[in-house]
Structure formats: structure tokens, C-alpha cells
Amino acid sequence: MIQTGFEEKIKIQLREISELIDQSFQNEEEIGVFSGLSGLALFQFYYAKFKNDNTIADRGEKLIIEIIQRINNEYNFPTYCSGIAGAGWVLDHLGQESFIELDNDKLLSELDTYLYQNMVRDLQKGYYDFLHGAIGYGCYFLKRYQNTKSKKLKDNYVKYLNTLVFYLDKLSVTDTYGLKWSSVIDTTKGTLGSNLSLSHGMSSIINFLSRLFKHLEFRDAVAPLLTGAISYISYFKNMDNSDYYLFPSCIHEPYIPSPSRLAWCYGDLGLGVSLRLAAIALQDSQLYDESISILKHCANRRTKEETLVKDTAICHGAYGNALIFERLYRDTNDYLFKDTALFWMQQGMDMATFKNGLAGHMQWSGNEKGWQNETGFLTGIAGIGMVMIFYLSDFKTSWDQSLMIS
């Protein structure tokens, strides 16, 4: 059970986060889900539901109006992380969950051709990245495919998604271990390799293909890509369970295994989440058991040396870990995951000590930038607030699909 004093501290921070977002949202230049206004709106609507307070919902509606106005005023940055595709995902989700009433078939369909063209352009360059490239557009189109009431639009989304699968097949490389996709590992040196991460790499491909596999019309094309990618990644598992990490973040020549942190973005945790979803889609009990073993290994990583966690954001911080373990507990009823979620919630609260921070939070941005205040969903207080609401509330929700967690 969560302690009463601890719960009250979380509620105080939630109130601060909502007020800070409402005071500063006009400074936000982008409109995407991870970095932009739509991620802030997502928080305000869920906080309004948590508090049962329509005045907080008004804050969310103000953000939605601002997003639509910017699009009407020719805002044209397309990506899922920061732009129109991410905003479209949020608008569709909010409509699906009855937070807002919009004719998304009319509003969003006008943007589809533009987003499709950007997706194809990225695929032609081999840029499949989830946050900023083709997989992100795919997540938006899959959401629309699932929610549209128009047969014509549904047929369009089938075409768009099949195009994505076609290019993923074309871009894949078969080697001794399975299927892999190449991307730039080190931008300064131009090093190519296989990125295994959920944020930018092959775990996102496995995760996305698992979601497509659930729909019969994509299954035949998706199956060999999905199983091939799983085979490739599985080969590189560190068989020494005494090590704190099981998988490298990236694979390139010459291959030298390197430690990976415990985080949503890179490392074992995002990879384990993706393998579990693949196992469920494929109805593969052996793969499922393997994924749970990986995730339990992650749950037992607690020290700073083992986790490499420095801050609190969803992307690579304490609250991202808390979110994943709380979701795993709700899905599996395994108390190890609940205990681990509580551990990371407490770590997040203990880190909120910055006098100049937002509700006490600042995020580590590397040696050059140091500690920074961040408002957004993926790296800032909006996402932290979402995790707090998720942890304290008992209502069913699927917003973490935006992160490919559930």
C-alpha cells in the first residue's frame, strides 16, 4: 500500500505541474505528443479526470484550440515526437476516451496525404526512427485505422501501413542471426550498426509490427519480419545473468558488448516490453516466459551503478521506469513489478529537490547543457505528472500506447 504522506506529496506536485503548464504553454513552439502542446493537453485532461474538475479540463481544451489554430495557420512540422503526427495521435486518443468531441475523420484526414508523403520520404532514406521518422507516422496511421468510422479512410490507412511494411521488408538485412535494420549509431563518426532501442531502434520495429500482427490483413506480410527481428536480437542476449544488463544498446563492427542503462528509451527494459508484446501477439509461450525473465531481471536492478538513472523523466528517468513496472503489475498481477514501481516512484520523489526546478524537477541534458527545466511529456513534468496519475488512479487507460508500452 502506498503511504498516505507519500500520496499527498504526489498530489501537491500534480497541482503544481498543472498550474505551471497552464502558465507557460504559449512558450511551447511544437505541437507533438512527446515534445509539444498535445502532450501537455494529454496531462491536463487526465488530471481533470483524476480530480473530477471541469476547470482543469478547460485548460486542456485551451491547448487543443491552440493546436488546431496553429495547424490552420500553416504549422507544418510533421513528426510524431514534435509535430502533426503526434498531435493527431493525441486528438484521436482524446476523442476515443470521450475527453473531447471532434470530427477527427474530417479534421485529421485533411493532413493524411502530407504525413504519408513524409513517411515515404523517410523510408526512402532508410530513416525508420520511432520518435522522428517512419515508425512514428505508422503509429499515427495505426491509431486512425483502428478508430476511423469511414470505410474509405480505413482503406487508405491499410494502404499507408502496407507501404510502411513493404519498405521495412526492403530495408531489412538477413544475416546468420535473423533480420536486422541499419541506422547511424554515432552521428559524429557516421558509424552504422543495428540500434536495439525502443526509442530509435529495432525494439520499436518489433513493437510496432506486433501491433500490426493483431490485424489479419497485415499478418502475412508482418510475420517473417517480426520473427526474424526477434531472432536477431535474441542472439545478442548476455547469457551471464550475474551481469546487471542483458542486452547492448547497439551492435556494430567490431562488436564489443557495452552496458546499457535501465530506461524506456535504451536498454533491457524497453526491449523486454517489446518482446512481451510480440509474444502476446504471436501467442508464443516460450517467448513470453523469456520476456518476463528479462523484465524481472530489470526489476532487480536498483542501485545507481546498475541502472545509470540520473533524473526523473519518462524517457530515461525514474518515472519512466515506474510507469513500465506499474503497467506490468496491472497486466500480470506479479507483485515484484508492483514493488519495483513503488521503488521508482519513491526515487522520483526523492530526486525532486531542485529549488529552481519545475515542481522540484530538473532533467540531466548531458555535460554540455547540464541540468535543465523541461515541461514536455517525454522529458519533462507533463510526463511525470501522467505517471503520477496512473500510479494513484484505478481507472483503465491506454495513453501509454503513445510510448508503445501497453
Protein backbone atom coordinates (compact mmCIF):
# COMPACT_ATOMS: atom_id res chain seq x y z
CA MET A 1 0.00 0.00 0.00
CA ILE A 2 1.20 3.49 -0.81
CA GLN A 3 1.84 5.62 2.28
CA THR A 4 -0.58 8.46 2.94
CA GLY A 5 2.15 11.09 3.31
CA PHE A 6 3.77 9.96 0.08
CA GLU A 7 0.45 10.16 -1.76
CA GLU A 8 -0.16 13.70 -0.50
CA LYS A 9 3.26 14.80 -1.75
CA ILE A 10 2.41 13.45 -5.19
CA LYS A 11 -0.91 15.31 -5.20
CA ILE A 12 0.82 18.56 -4.28
CA GLN A 13 3.24 18.12 -7.19
CA LEU A 14 0.38 17.33 -9.56
CA ARG A 15 -1.33 20.58 -8.68
CA GLU A 16 1.92 22.49 -9.25
CA ILE A 17 2.51 20.75 -12.58
CA SER A 18 -0.96 21.60 -13.87
CA GLU A 19 -0.58 25.26 -12.90
CA LEU A 20 2.93 25.53 -14.37
CA ILE A 21 1.78 24.08 -17.68
CA ASP A 22 -1.19 26.42 -17.85
CA GLN A 23 1.05 29.43 -17.16
CA SER A 24 3.73 28.57 -19.71
CA PHE A 25 2.15 26.60 -22.57
CA GLN A 26 2.33 29.52 -25.01
CA ASN A 27 6.12 29.30 -24.83
CA GLU A 28 5.92 25.81 -26.33
CA GLU A 29 6.86 26.01 -30.01
CA GLU A 30 5.90 22.48 -31.09
CA ILE A 31 2.62 20.55 -31.01
CA GLY A 32 3.71 16.88 -30.85
CA VAL A 33 2.91 14.29 -28.23
CA PHE A 34 6.41 13.88 -26.77
CA SER A 35 7.58 17.43 -27.27
CA GLY A 36 4.78 19.91 -27.70
CA LEU A 37 1.31 21.11 -26.81
CA SER A 38 -0.56 17.85 -27.36
CA GLY A 39 1.47 16.09 -24.68
CA LEU A 40 0.62 18.92 -22.28
CA ALA A 41 -3.06 18.62 -23.21
CA LEU A 42 -2.96 14.89 -22.53
CA PHE A 43 -1.81 15.61 -18.98
CA GLN A 44 -4.43 18.29 -18.31
CA PHE A 45 -7.33 16.09 -19.43
CA TYR A 46 -6.20 13.12 -17.37
CA TYR A 47 -5.56 15.34 -14.37
CA ALA A 48 -9.09 16.75 -14.76
CA LYS A 49 -10.45 13.20 -14.76
CA PHE A 50 -8.36 12.31 -11.71
CA LYS A 51 -9.62 15.38 -9.84
CA ASN A 52 -13.11 15.33 -11.37
CA ASP A 53 -12.65 19.03 -12.04
CA ASN A 54 -14.00 20.67 -15.21
CA THR A 55 -11.93 23.81 -14.66
CA ILE A 56 -8.79 21.71 -15.25
CA ALA A 57 -10.40 20.21 -18.36
CA ASP A 58 -10.80 23.80 -19.59
CA ARG A 59 -7.00 24.06 -19.50
CA GLY A 60 -6.81 21.05 -21.77
CA GLU A 61 -9.40 22.45 -24.15
CA LYS A 62 -7.44 25.69 -24.37
CA LEU A 63 -4.44 23.67 -25.53
CA ILE A 64 -6.48 21.78 -28.13
CA ILE A 65 -7.79 25.07 -29.54
CA GLU A 66 -4.22 26.37 -29.75
CA ILE A 67 -3.07 23.23 -31.61
CA ILE A 68 -5.87 23.46 -34.18
CA GLN A 69 -5.26 27.18 -34.68
CA ARG A 70 -1.57 26.57 -35.31
CA ILE A 71 -2.32 23.87 -37.87
CA ASN A 72 -4.83 26.16 -39.58
CA ASN A 73 -2.13 28.85 -39.61
CA GLU A 74 0.11 26.52 -41.66
CA TYR A 75 2.17 24.92 -38.91
CA ASN A 76 3.82 22.14 -40.91
CA PHE A 77 6.33 20.20 -38.81
CA PRO A 78 5.19 16.59 -39.37
CA THR A 79 6.81 14.20 -36.88
CA TYR A 80 5.27 12.08 -34.15
CA CYS A 81 7.55 13.37 -31.39
CA SER A 82 7.20 17.08 -32.04
CA GLY A 83 4.69 17.68 -34.79
CA ILE A 84 1.41 16.96 -36.55
CA ALA A 85 1.51 13.15 -36.41
CA GLY A 86 1.90 13.22 -32.62
CA ALA A 87 -0.81 15.86 -32.22
CA GLY A 88 -3.11 13.75 -34.42
CA TRP A 89 -2.48 10.70 -32.25
CA VAL A 90 -3.45 12.67 -29.14
CA LEU A 91 -6.58 14.16 -30.72
CA ASP A 92 -7.71 10.69 -31.80
CA HIS A 93 -6.97 9.27 -28.35
CA LEU A 94 -8.83 12.05 -26.54
CA GLY A 95 -11.83 11.50 -28.81
CA GLN A 96 -11.66 7.74 -28.28
CA GLU A 97 -11.66 8.23 -24.50
CA SER A 98 -14.51 10.81 -24.69
CA PHE A 99 -12.46 13.70 -23.35
CA ILE A 100 -13.30 15.85 -26.36
CA GLU A 101 -15.84 15.86 -29.20
CA LEU A 102 -14.21 16.42 -32.58
CA ASP A 103 -14.94 15.06 -36.03
CA ASN A 104 -11.48 13.54 -36.38
CA ASP A 105 -12.38 11.85 -39.64
CA LYS A 106 -12.84 15.31 -41.14
CA LEU A 107 -10.21 17.22 -39.19
CA LEU A 108 -7.34 14.74 -39.38
CA SER A 109 -7.93 13.21 -42.80
CA GLU A 110 -7.01 16.53 -44.38
CA LEU A 111 -3.48 16.00 -43.04
CA ASP A 112 -3.07 12.36 -44.07
CA THR A 113 -1.55 12.85 -47.53
CA TYR A 114 1.06 15.24 -46.15
CA LEU A 115 2.02 12.83 -43.37
CA TYR A 116 2.09 9.88 -45.77
CA GLN A 117 4.43 11.74 -48.11
CA ASN A 118 6.78 12.48 -45.22
CA MET A 119 6.69 8.85 -44.12
CA VAL A 120 7.62 7.62 -47.60
CA ARG A 121 10.36 10.23 -47.87
CA ASP A 122 11.88 8.98 -44.61
CA LEU A 123 11.59 5.35 -45.69
CA GLN A 124 13.33 6.10 -48.97
CA LYS A 125 16.22 7.40 -46.87
CA GLY A 126 16.11 4.34 -44.59
CA TYR A 127 15.02 6.51 -41.65
CA TYR A 128 12.63 4.33 -39.67
CA ASP A 129 13.10 6.11 -36.30
CA PHE A 130 10.06 5.97 -33.96
CA LEU A 131 10.32 9.46 -32.49
CA HIS A 132 11.26 11.41 -35.60
CA GLY A 133 10.83 9.11 -38.59
CA ALA A 134 8.68 6.48 -40.30
CA ILE A 135 7.59 4.31 -37.34
CA GLY A 136 6.13 7.41 -35.68
CA TYR A 137 3.93 8.09 -38.70
CA GLY A 138 2.98 4.41 -38.64
CA CYS A 139 1.78 4.72 -35.05
CA TYR A 140 -0.45 7.61 -36.05
CA PHE A 141 -1.87 5.76 -39.08
CA LEU A 142 -2.49 2.63 -37.00
CA LYS A 143 -4.40 4.69 -34.44
CA ARG A 144 -6.54 6.19 -37.19
CA TYR A 145 -7.05 2.78 -38.81
CA GLN A 146 -8.41 1.49 -35.50
CA ASN A 147 -10.66 4.47 -34.77
CA THR A 148 -11.97 5.81 -38.06
CA LYS A 149 -15.67 5.33 -38.85
CA SER A 150 -15.10 5.77 -42.58
CA LYS A 151 -14.51 2.73 -44.81
CA LYS A 152 -12.76 4.92 -47.37
CA LEU A 153 -10.36 6.26 -44.78
CA LYS A 154 -9.80 2.79 -43.34
CA ASP A 155 -8.82 1.58 -46.80
CA ASN A 156 -6.39 4.50 -47.09
CA TYR A 157 -4.78 3.60 -43.76
CA VAL A 158 -4.41 -0.03 -44.85
CA LYS A 159 -2.56 1.26 -47.91
CA TYR A 160 -0.33 3.55 -45.85
CA LEU A 161 0.52 0.81 -43.33
CA ASN A 162 1.20 -1.74 -46.06
CA THR A 163 3.59 0.75 -47.64
CA LEU A 164 5.46 1.02 -44.35
CA VAL A 165 5.69 -2.78 -44.05
CA PHE A 166 6.85 -3.03 -47.67
CA TYR A 167 9.71 -0.61 -47.06
CA LEU A 168 10.67 -2.24 -43.75
CA ASP A 169 10.96 -5.52 -45.65
CA LYS A 170 13.01 -3.83 -48.37
CA LEU A 171 15.32 -2.17 -45.83
CA SER A 172 15.87 -5.30 -43.75
CA VAL A 173 19.10 -7.27 -44.00
CA THR A 174 19.23 -11.03 -43.46
CA ASP A 175 22.28 -12.42 -41.71
CA THR A 176 23.20 -15.55 -39.74
CA TYR A 177 21.17 -14.48 -36.70
CA GLY A 178 17.97 -13.22 -38.31
CA LEU A 179 16.74 -9.88 -39.68
CA LYS A 180 18.27 -6.53 -38.84
CA TRP A 181 17.92 -2.88 -39.83
CA SER A 182 20.82 -0.47 -40.04
CA SER A 183 20.91 3.11 -38.84
CA VAL A 184 23.50 5.70 -37.85
CA ILE A 185 24.82 4.80 -34.41
CA ASP A 186 27.30 7.66 -33.99
CA THR A 187 26.37 10.84 -35.86
CA THR A 188 29.79 12.43 -35.30
CA LYS A 189 31.63 9.49 -36.89
CA GLY A 190 28.86 8.28 -39.20
CA THR A 191 29.08 4.79 -37.70
CA LEU A 192 26.42 2.38 -38.97
CA GLY A 193 25.01 -0.51 -36.98
CA SER A 194 21.90 -2.04 -35.50
CA ASN A 195 20.27 0.11 -32.83
CA LEU A 196 18.29 -2.16 -30.47
CA SER A 197 16.44 0.58 -28.57
CA LEU A 198 12.71 1.26 -28.25
CA SER A 199 13.09 4.98 -28.87
CA HIS A 200 15.08 4.84 -32.11
CA GLY A 201 15.86 1.23 -32.97
CA MET A 202 14.81 -2.32 -33.64
CA SER A 203 12.74 -2.75 -30.47
CA SER A 204 10.35 -0.15 -31.88
CA ILE A 205 10.09 -2.16 -35.13
CA ILE A 206 9.30 -5.36 -33.20
CA ASN A 207 6.82 -3.46 -31.04
CA PHE A 208 5.06 -1.81 -33.97
CA LEU A 209 4.92 -4.98 -36.07
CA SER A 210 3.41 -6.81 -33.08
CA ARG A 211 0.56 -4.31 -33.08
CA LEU A 212 0.01 -4.76 -36.80
CA PHE A 213 0.13 -8.55 -36.47
CA LYS A 214 -3.06 -8.48 -34.39
CA HIS A 215 -4.95 -7.38 -37.52
CA LEU A 216 -5.47 -10.17 -40.05
CA GLU A 217 -4.99 -8.02 -43.13
CA PHE A 218 -1.36 -7.28 -42.18
CA ARG A 219 -0.41 -10.63 -40.66
CA ASP A 220 1.12 -12.46 -43.64
CA ALA A 221 3.45 -9.59 -44.55
CA VAL A 222 4.40 -8.83 -40.95
CA ALA A 223 5.08 -12.34 -39.60
CA PRO A 224 8.50 -13.05 -41.21
CA LEU A 225 9.80 -9.57 -40.34
CA LEU A 226 8.67 -9.92 -36.74
CA THR A 227 10.11 -13.39 -36.15
CA GLY A 228 13.33 -12.53 -37.97
CA ALA A 229 13.91 -9.42 -35.86
CA ILE A 230 13.21 -11.33 -32.63
CA SER A 231 15.72 -14.00 -33.67
CA TYR A 232 18.39 -11.38 -34.37
CA ILE A 233 18.01 -9.52 -31.09
CA SER A 234 17.76 -12.72 -29.05
CA TYR A 235 21.16 -13.88 -30.31
CA PHE A 236 22.87 -10.95 -28.59
CA LYS A 237 21.48 -11.64 -25.12
CA ASN A 238 24.19 -11.79 -22.48
CA MET A 239 23.85 -15.28 -21.03
CA ASP A 240 25.62 -14.31 -17.79
CA ASN A 241 22.66 -13.36 -15.59
CA SER A 242 25.04 -12.11 -12.92
CA ASP A 243 25.69 -9.02 -15.06
CA TYR A 244 23.32 -6.14 -14.43
CA TYR A 245 22.48 -5.74 -18.13
CA LEU A 246 21.42 -8.42 -20.62
CA PHE A 247 21.50 -6.64 -23.99
CA PRO A 248 23.71 -3.98 -25.57
CA SER A 249 22.14 -0.76 -26.80
CA CYS A 250 23.67 -1.08 -30.26
CA ILE A 251 25.54 -3.62 -32.39
CA HIS A 252 28.24 -2.63 -34.85
CA GLU A 253 31.61 -3.86 -36.09
CA PRO A 254 33.82 -4.61 -34.29
CA TYR A 255 31.24 -5.94 -31.82
CA ILE A 256 32.17 -5.19 -28.22
CA PRO A 257 29.34 -5.70 -25.66
CA SER A 258 28.70 -2.47 -23.77
CA PRO A 259 26.50 -1.79 -20.72
CA SER A 260 23.01 -0.34 -21.21
CA ARG A 261 21.00 1.65 -18.70
CA LEU A 262 17.60 0.86 -17.25
CA ALA A 263 15.19 3.07 -19.14
CA TRP A 264 12.27 3.28 -21.55
CA CYS A 265 14.46 4.66 -24.33
CA TYR A 266 17.53 2.39 -24.42
CA GLY A 267 18.37 -0.95 -22.86
CA ASP A 268 16.77 -4.08 -21.47
CA LEU A 269 13.54 -2.54 -20.20
CA GLY A 270 12.18 -1.22 -23.50
CA LEU A 271 13.43 -4.33 -25.25
CA GLY A 272 11.69 -6.60 -22.72
CA VAL A 273 8.44 -4.67 -23.10
CA SER A 274 8.60 -5.12 -26.89
CA LEU A 275 9.39 -8.84 -26.72
CA ARG A 276 6.48 -9.36 -24.31
CA LEU A 277 4.06 -7.64 -26.67
CA ALA A 278 5.43 -9.72 -29.55
CA ALA A 279 4.94 -12.92 -27.54
CA ILE A 280 1.33 -11.99 -26.83
CA ALA A 281 0.66 -11.20 -30.49
CA LEU A 282 2.34 -14.40 -31.72
CA GLN A 283 0.85 -16.48 -28.88
CA ASP A 284 4.36 -17.75 -28.20
CA SER A 285 4.54 -19.01 -24.60
CA GLN A 286 8.30 -19.62 -24.72
CA LEU A 287 8.99 -16.08 -25.88
CA TYR A 288 6.57 -14.76 -23.28
CA ASP A 289 8.40 -16.55 -20.46
CA GLU A 290 11.70 -15.22 -21.81
CA SER A 291 10.37 -11.64 -21.89
CA ILE A 292 9.11 -11.89 -18.31
CA SER A 293 12.50 -13.25 -17.24
CA ILE A 294 14.17 -10.21 -18.85
CA LEU A 295 11.74 -7.82 -17.17
CA LYS A 296 12.21 -9.45 -13.76
CA HIS A 297 15.95 -9.12 -14.20
CA CYS A 298 15.31 -5.41 -14.85
CA ALA A 299 13.17 -5.20 -11.72
CA ASN A 300 16.07 -6.35 -9.60
CA ARG A 301 18.35 -3.58 -10.86
CA ARG A 302 18.11 -0.92 -8.15
CA THR A 303 21.50 0.72 -7.49
CA LYS A 304 22.76 3.77 -9.38
CA GLU A 305 25.66 1.70 -10.74
CA GLU A 306 23.24 -0.89 -12.13
CA THR A 307 20.61 1.48 -13.51
CA LEU A 308 22.61 4.58 -14.55
CA VAL A 309 19.47 6.65 -13.76
CA LYS A 310 20.23 10.31 -13.07
CA ASP A 311 16.88 12.11 -13.33
CA THR A 312 13.12 11.68 -13.28
CA ALA A 313 11.63 11.97 -16.79
CA ILE A 314 9.78 9.23 -18.67
CA CYS A 315 12.44 8.93 -21.36
CA HIS A 316 15.36 7.72 -19.27
CA GLY A 317 14.46 8.52 -15.69
CA ALA A 318 12.77 7.23 -12.58
CA TYR A 319 9.17 7.89 -13.65
CA GLY A 320 9.59 6.09 -16.95
CA ASN A 321 10.69 3.02 -15.04
CA ALA A 322 7.82 3.42 -12.58
CA LEU A 323 5.31 3.61 -15.43
CA ILE A 324 6.55 0.42 -17.10
CA PHE A 325 6.64 -1.62 -13.89
CA GLU A 326 3.21 -0.39 -12.79
CA ARG A 327 1.78 -1.36 -16.19
CA LEU A 328 3.45 -4.78 -15.92
CA TYR A 329 1.93 -5.27 -12.48
CA ARG A 330 -1.56 -4.41 -13.72
CA ASP A 331 -1.16 -6.80 -16.65
CA THR A 332 0.42 -9.71 -14.76
CA ASN A 333 -0.52 -9.28 -11.07
CA ASP A 334 3.09 -10.12 -10.20
CA TYR A 335 3.89 -8.24 -7.01
CA LEU A 336 7.60 -7.93 -7.87
CA PHE A 337 6.56 -5.42 -10.54
CA LYS A 338 4.35 -3.52 -8.06
CA ASP A 339 7.17 -3.34 -5.54
CA THR A 340 9.53 -2.10 -8.26
CA ALA A 341 7.04 0.55 -9.42
CA LEU A 342 6.82 1.86 -5.85
CA PHE A 343 10.61 1.88 -5.60
CA TRP A 344 10.89 4.06 -8.71
CA MET A 345 8.05 6.35 -7.62
CA GLN A 346 9.92 6.96 -4.39
CA GLN A 347 13.17 7.52 -6.27
CA GLY A 348 11.41 10.09 -8.44
CA MET A 349 10.03 11.93 -5.43
CA ASP A 350 13.43 11.88 -3.71
CA MET A 351 15.04 13.47 -6.78
CA ALA A 352 12.58 16.41 -6.87
CA THR A 353 14.81 18.68 -4.78
CA PHE A 354 15.78 21.44 -7.20
CA LYS A 355 14.89 24.89 -5.83
CA ASN A 356 14.90 26.31 -9.37
CA GLY A 357 13.16 23.27 -10.83
CA LEU A 358 9.60 22.79 -12.03
CA ALA A 359 7.75 21.26 -9.08
CA GLY A 360 11.26 20.40 -7.88
CA HIS A 361 12.27 18.55 -11.06
CA MET A 362 15.15 19.19 -13.42
CA GLN A 363 16.47 16.84 -16.11
CA TRP A 364 20.05 15.97 -16.96
CA SER A 365 20.87 17.02 -20.55
CA GLY A 366 24.48 15.90 -20.72
CA ASN A 367 27.75 17.51 -19.76
CA GLU A 368 27.38 20.43 -22.17
CA LYS A 369 23.90 21.60 -21.08
CA GLY A 370 23.78 20.18 -17.57
CA TRP A 371 20.51 20.31 -15.60
CA GLN A 372 17.53 21.79 -17.48
CA ASN A 373 13.88 22.60 -16.76
CA GLU A 374 11.63 20.60 -19.10
CA THR A 375 7.86 20.95 -19.44
CA GLY A 376 7.08 18.31 -22.05
CA PHE A 377 5.72 14.79 -21.99
CA LEU A 378 8.78 12.66 -22.74
CA THR A 379 11.46 14.59 -20.89
CA GLY A 380 9.55 16.87 -18.55
CA ILE A 381 6.91 17.46 -15.94
CA ALA A 382 3.86 16.70 -18.13
CA GLY A 383 5.00 13.10 -18.50
CA ILE A 384 5.99 12.87 -14.84
CA GLY A 385 2.50 14.06 -13.93
CA MET A 386 0.93 11.45 -16.22
CA VAL A 387 2.83 8.68 -14.42
CA MET A 388 1.76 10.05 -11.04
CA ILE A 389 -1.90 9.99 -12.11
CA PHE A 390 -1.52 6.48 -13.49
CA TYR A 391 0.02 5.27 -10.25
CA LEU A 392 -2.59 6.83 -7.96
CA SER A 393 -5.72 6.14 -10.04
CA ASP A 394 -7.60 2.93 -10.71
CA PHE A 395 -9.40 3.86 -13.93
CA LYS A 396 -8.46 1.92 -17.05
CA THR A 397 -6.46 3.84 -19.58
CA SER A 398 -4.39 3.26 -22.70
CA TRP A 399 -2.49 6.55 -23.04
CA ASP A 400 0.81 4.69 -22.57
CA GLN A 401 0.26 3.21 -26.02
CA SER A 402 1.69 6.52 -27.19
CA LEU A 403 5.00 5.20 -25.82
CA MET A 404 4.36 1.67 -27.15
CA ILE A 405 4.26 0.31 -23.58
CA SER A 406 0.76 -1.22 -23.43
